[in-house]
Amino acid sequence: MTSPKLLTQLADGIMTVSLNRPDKLNAIDNELARALLAAIDQASRDDAVRVLLLRGNGRAFCAGRDVSAPPTEEDLVLVQAVSKALVSLPKPVLASVHGWTVGAGFEWMLNADIVVAGESARFKLPEASIGVFVTGGLTATLPAYAGLARAKALMLLGEEFSPAQALAWGLVWKAVPDAELESASRQIGARLASLQPAVAASFKRVLNDIGLRDFDHAIALENDAQRALGGGGVPDQGMPGCTC
């Protein structure tokens, strides 16, 4: 499932999936979203894959949606499909993030089961400030992890926040120096890969059924709000030097 915009590698039970648009800060276009969907599907069917590790190449994890082209209904369908696939994958998903982790990129990060953040990570949810709605089931995941009051403030105010704040708010599992991000992620990935697959799948399924029981409903309501506000597209805020 390797493509120019998405690179995959399997070793020791860990399928590493790297967003590979470094010149665009890994902003999401439809080709990238389709490739990621295919990689998740491959991971679900391959017994050799025990963990999916999601990361970004270059200076960022993911700077949100690429808005160099007008938003379309397909944008919304694909970005939401990736979120649902990550949450429903019967294998642990580990996100390893650094640099800008913004909008839909942040939302995909929260679709992972465990998140490790490098010290350079910067988080932001700019959708409200530019007149569009969030995606990725964020209206379910963010309140579940950070609490409803904080979720409202983070979404409505759109303020940038740091790995230390994300750690304190329960959004990431570990915050480490960038130089240690890869090794820390690999160590956690190896521990997850050592679990019996049926055990890992059962824990993920039951915890999500209880903790994120409204996830599918959140996706549906987000779709309605997104279409009402933006005509079905998902135009996240771009970062400097990026057309996203």
Protein backbone atom coordinates (compact mmCIF):
# COMPACT_ATOMS: atom_id res chain seq x y z
CA MET A 1 0.00 0.00 0.00
CA THR A 2 3.03 2.29 -0.25
CA SER A 3 2.40 5.37 -2.43
CA PRO A 4 4.41 8.56 -2.95
CA LYS A 5 2.28 10.32 -0.34
CA LEU A 6 2.15 7.46 2.17
CA LEU A 7 4.98 5.10 3.06
CA THR A 8 4.50 1.80 4.90
CA GLN A 9 6.93 -0.61 6.51
CA LEU A 10 6.35 -3.78 8.52
CA ALA A 11 8.87 -5.01 11.07
CA ASP A 12 8.46 -7.03 14.28
CA GLY A 13 4.67 -6.85 14.12
CA ILE A 14 4.63 -3.04 13.83
CA MET A 15 3.27 -1.56 10.61
CA THR A 16 4.71 1.96 10.40
CA VAL A 17 2.60 4.26 8.25
CA SER A 18 4.26 7.58 7.42
CA LEU A 19 2.39 10.56 6.00
CA ASN A 20 4.75 11.69 3.24
CA ARG A 21 3.99 15.20 2.01
CA PRO A 22 6.79 16.96 3.90
CA ASP A 23 6.75 19.98 1.58
CA LYS A 24 3.09 20.50 2.57
CA LEU A 25 3.59 19.64 6.26
CA ASN A 26 1.73 16.41 5.46
CA ALA A 27 -1.49 18.26 4.72
CA ILE A 28 -4.29 15.86 3.81
CA ASP A 29 -5.47 15.57 0.23
CA ASN A 30 -7.73 12.86 -1.14
CA GLU A 31 -4.87 10.77 -2.52
CA LEU A 32 -3.26 10.65 0.92
CA ALA A 33 -6.57 9.83 2.61
CA ARG A 34 -7.29 7.00 0.16
CA ALA A 35 -3.81 5.57 0.63
CA LEU A 36 -4.18 5.66 4.41
CA LEU A 37 -7.55 3.91 4.17
CA ALA A 38 -5.96 1.19 2.06
CA ALA A 39 -3.10 0.80 4.54
CA ILE A 40 -5.51 0.46 7.46
CA ASP A 41 -7.46 -2.16 5.52
CA GLN A 42 -4.24 -4.03 4.80
CA ALA A 43 -3.33 -3.91 8.49
CA SER A 44 -6.72 -5.31 9.46
CA ARG A 45 -6.32 -8.32 7.15
CA ASP A 46 -2.64 -9.13 7.71
CA ASP A 47 -2.03 -11.37 10.73
CA ALA A 48 1.62 -10.28 10.72
CA VAL A 49 0.49 -6.77 11.69
CA ARG A 50 -0.12 -6.43 15.42
CA VAL A 51 0.21 -2.65 15.78
CA LEU A 52 -0.26 0.29 13.43
CA LEU A 53 2.15 3.17 14.09
CA LEU A 54 1.07 6.45 12.47
CA ARG A 55 3.65 9.21 12.02
CA GLY A 56 4.59 12.06 9.68
CA ASN A 57 7.74 12.71 7.67
CA GLY A 58 9.50 16.07 7.73
CA ARG A 59 8.78 18.95 10.10
CA ALA A 60 5.21 18.06 11.06
CA PHE A 61 2.83 15.24 11.86
CA CYS A 62 -0.04 16.74 9.88
CA ALA A 63 -1.10 20.35 9.28
CA GLY A 64 -4.75 19.53 8.54
CA ARG A 65 -6.63 19.53 5.26
CA ASP A 66 -4.98 20.81 2.10
CA VAL A 67 -7.07 23.75 0.90
CA SER A 68 -5.15 24.44 -2.31
CA ALA A 69 -8.28 23.16 -4.09
CA PRO A 70 -11.92 23.96 -3.27
CA PRO A 71 -13.46 21.55 -0.72
CA THR A 72 -15.76 18.82 -1.97
CA GLU A 73 -18.12 16.24 -0.52
CA GLU A 74 -15.48 13.58 -1.21
CA ASP A 75 -13.08 15.38 1.16
CA LEU A 76 -15.54 14.97 4.00
CA VAL A 77 -16.33 11.36 3.19
CA LEU A 78 -12.66 10.35 3.06
CA VAL A 79 -11.45 12.17 6.16
CA GLN A 80 -14.31 10.71 8.19
CA ALA A 81 -13.74 7.24 6.74
CA VAL A 82 -10.11 7.31 7.92
CA SER A 83 -11.20 8.24 11.44
CA LYS A 84 -13.76 5.44 11.58
CA ALA A 85 -11.21 2.95 10.22
CA LEU A 86 -8.60 3.90 12.83
CA VAL A 87 -11.08 3.59 15.70
CA SER A 88 -12.60 0.33 14.46
CA LEU A 89 -9.30 -1.36 13.52
CA PRO A 90 -9.12 -4.44 15.80
CA LYS A 91 -5.45 -3.75 16.50
CA PRO A 92 -3.82 -1.03 18.61
CA VAL A 93 -3.07 2.25 16.84
CA LEU A 94 -0.11 4.28 18.12
CA ALA A 95 0.39 7.88 16.96
CA SER A 96 3.87 9.40 17.09
CA VAL A 97 3.57 13.16 16.59
CA HIS A 98 5.87 16.15 16.24
CA GLY A 99 5.64 19.64 14.82
CA TRP A 100 2.29 20.98 13.66
CA THR A 101 -0.60 18.67 14.53
CA VAL A 102 -3.57 20.72 13.43
CA GLY A 103 -7.24 20.38 12.55
CA ALA A 104 -7.92 17.04 10.86
CA GLY A 105 -4.35 15.97 11.71
CA PHE A 106 -5.09 16.45 15.40
CA GLU A 107 -8.39 14.66 14.94
CA TRP A 108 -6.67 11.65 13.37
CA MET A 109 -4.17 11.70 16.23
CA LEU A 110 -7.01 11.35 18.74
CA ASN A 111 -8.38 8.42 16.75
CA ALA A 112 -5.27 6.51 17.87
CA ASP A 113 -5.34 4.42 21.03
CA ILE A 114 -2.06 5.77 22.43
CA VAL A 115 -0.21 8.97 21.52
CA VAL A 116 3.46 9.87 22.04
CA ALA A 117 4.36 13.51 21.38
CA GLY A 118 7.73 15.09 20.70
CA GLU A 119 8.63 18.39 22.35
CA SER A 120 8.23 20.23 19.02
CA ALA A 121 4.56 19.24 18.69
CA ARG A 122 2.11 22.11 18.51
CA PHE A 123 -1.62 21.50 18.58
CA LYS A 124 -4.42 23.70 17.32
CA LEU A 125 -8.08 23.43 16.31
CA PRO A 126 -8.75 26.44 14.06
CA GLU A 127 -12.02 25.32 12.47
CA ALA A 128 -14.41 27.62 14.38
CA SER A 129 -12.29 30.69 13.61
CA ILE A 130 -12.56 30.03 9.86
CA GLY A 131 -16.24 29.12 9.88
CA VAL A 132 -16.19 25.34 9.42
CA PHE A 133 -16.89 22.38 11.69
CA VAL A 134 -14.56 19.76 13.12
CA THR A 135 -14.38 16.17 11.87
CA GLY A 136 -12.87 12.87 12.95
CA GLY A 137 -15.39 12.19 15.69
CA LEU A 138 -13.66 14.95 17.66
CA THR A 139 -16.95 15.92 19.30
CA ALA A 140 -16.82 12.49 20.97
CA THR A 141 -13.08 11.91 21.46
CA LEU A 142 -12.05 15.32 22.82
CA PRO A 143 -14.72 15.53 25.57
CA ALA A 144 -14.02 11.88 26.48
CA TYR A 145 -10.31 12.53 26.97
CA ALA A 146 -10.16 16.16 28.13
CA GLY A 147 -13.63 16.85 29.56
CA LEU A 148 -16.53 18.75 28.04
CA ALA A 149 -15.59 22.23 29.32
CA ARG A 150 -12.02 22.01 28.02
CA ALA A 151 -13.21 20.51 24.72
CA LYS A 152 -15.53 23.48 24.19
CA ALA A 153 -12.75 25.98 24.91
CA LEU A 154 -10.22 24.22 22.67
CA MET A 155 -12.67 24.03 19.76
CA LEU A 156 -14.25 27.46 20.06
CA LEU A 157 -11.14 29.49 20.93
CA GLY A 158 -8.74 27.57 18.70
CA GLU A 159 -5.71 28.43 20.83
CA GLU A 160 -2.38 26.71 20.21
CA PHE A 161 -1.22 24.38 22.98
CA SER A 162 1.89 22.40 23.84
CA PRO A 163 2.75 18.74 24.50
CA ALA A 164 2.99 19.51 28.22
CA GLN A 165 -0.56 20.84 28.20
CA ALA A 166 -1.76 17.92 26.07
CA LEU A 167 -0.19 15.53 28.58
CA ALA A 168 -1.79 17.28 31.55
CA TRP A 169 -5.19 17.20 29.80
CA GLY A 170 -5.02 13.48 28.99
CA LEU A 171 -4.64 13.86 25.23
CA VAL A 172 -1.26 12.15 24.95
CA TRP A 173 0.34 9.29 26.89
CA LYS A 174 3.92 10.56 26.88
CA ALA A 175 5.72 13.78 25.94
CA VAL A 176 9.40 13.30 25.15
CA PRO A 177 12.30 15.20 23.56
CA ASP A 178 12.20 14.98 19.78
CA ALA A 179 15.46 13.03 19.80
CA GLU A 180 13.74 10.31 21.82
CA LEU A 181 10.42 10.26 19.96
CA GLU A 182 11.23 7.42 17.59
CA SER A 183 12.78 5.17 20.24
CA ALA A 184 9.98 5.85 22.74
CA SER A 185 7.36 5.10 20.09
CA ARG A 186 9.14 1.90 19.07
CA GLN A 187 9.35 0.72 22.67
CA ILE A 188 5.63 1.24 23.21
CA GLY A 189 4.88 -0.34 19.84
CA ALA A 190 6.92 -3.41 20.79
CA ARG A 191 5.01 -3.77 24.05
CA LEU A 192 1.70 -3.56 22.21
CA ALA A 193 2.90 -6.05 19.60
CA SER A 194 3.79 -8.52 22.36
CA LEU A 195 0.15 -8.76 23.47
CA GLN A 196 -1.99 -11.63 22.26
CA PRO A 197 -3.95 -10.23 19.29
CA ALA A 198 -7.31 -11.39 20.64
CA VAL A 199 -6.58 -9.77 24.00
CA ALA A 200 -5.56 -6.45 22.46
CA ALA A 201 -8.61 -6.49 20.18
CA SER A 202 -10.97 -7.21 23.07
CA PHE A 203 -9.59 -4.42 25.24
CA LYS A 204 -9.81 -1.91 22.39
CA ARG A 205 -13.33 -2.95 21.42
CA VAL A 206 -14.77 -2.89 24.93
CA LEU A 207 -13.03 0.33 25.98
CA ASN A 208 -14.24 2.08 22.84
CA ASP A 209 -17.74 0.68 23.23
CA ILE A 210 -17.90 2.19 26.72
CA GLY A 211 -15.75 5.32 26.41
CA LEU A 212 -16.63 6.29 22.84
CA ARG A 213 -20.11 4.85 22.54
CA ASP A 214 -21.31 8.00 20.75
CA PHE A 215 -18.48 8.03 18.21
CA ASP A 216 -20.56 7.01 15.17
CA HIS A 217 -23.31 9.44 16.18
CA ALA A 218 -20.71 12.20 16.52
CA ILE A 219 -19.44 11.48 13.00
CA ALA A 220 -22.98 11.75 11.63
CA LEU A 221 -23.66 15.04 13.45
CA GLU A 222 -20.30 16.44 12.34
CA ASN A 223 -21.17 15.59 8.75
CA ASP A 224 -24.47 17.46 9.06
CA ALA A 225 -22.80 20.51 10.64
CA GLN A 226 -19.95 20.49 8.13
CA ARG A 227 -22.34 20.43 5.19
CA ALA A 228 -24.49 23.16 6.69
CA LEU A 229 -21.51 25.44 7.30
CA GLY A 230 -19.18 24.62 4.46
CA GLY A 231 -21.06 22.84 1.74
CA GLY A 232 -19.56 19.45 2.54
CA GLY A 233 -15.86 20.35 2.43
CA VAL A 234 -13.27 20.19 5.18
CA PRO A 235 -11.01 23.24 4.73
CA ASP A 236 -8.74 23.34 7.79
CA GLN A 237 -6.44 26.25 8.56
CA GLY A 238 -3.07 26.05 6.86
CA MET A 239 0.33 26.60 8.45
CA PRO A 240 3.04 29.00 7.20
CA GLY A 241 4.77 27.64 4.12
CA CYS A 242 1.94 25.24 3.38
CA THR A 243 -0.93 25.47 0.92
CA CYS A 244 -3.07 23.41 3.26
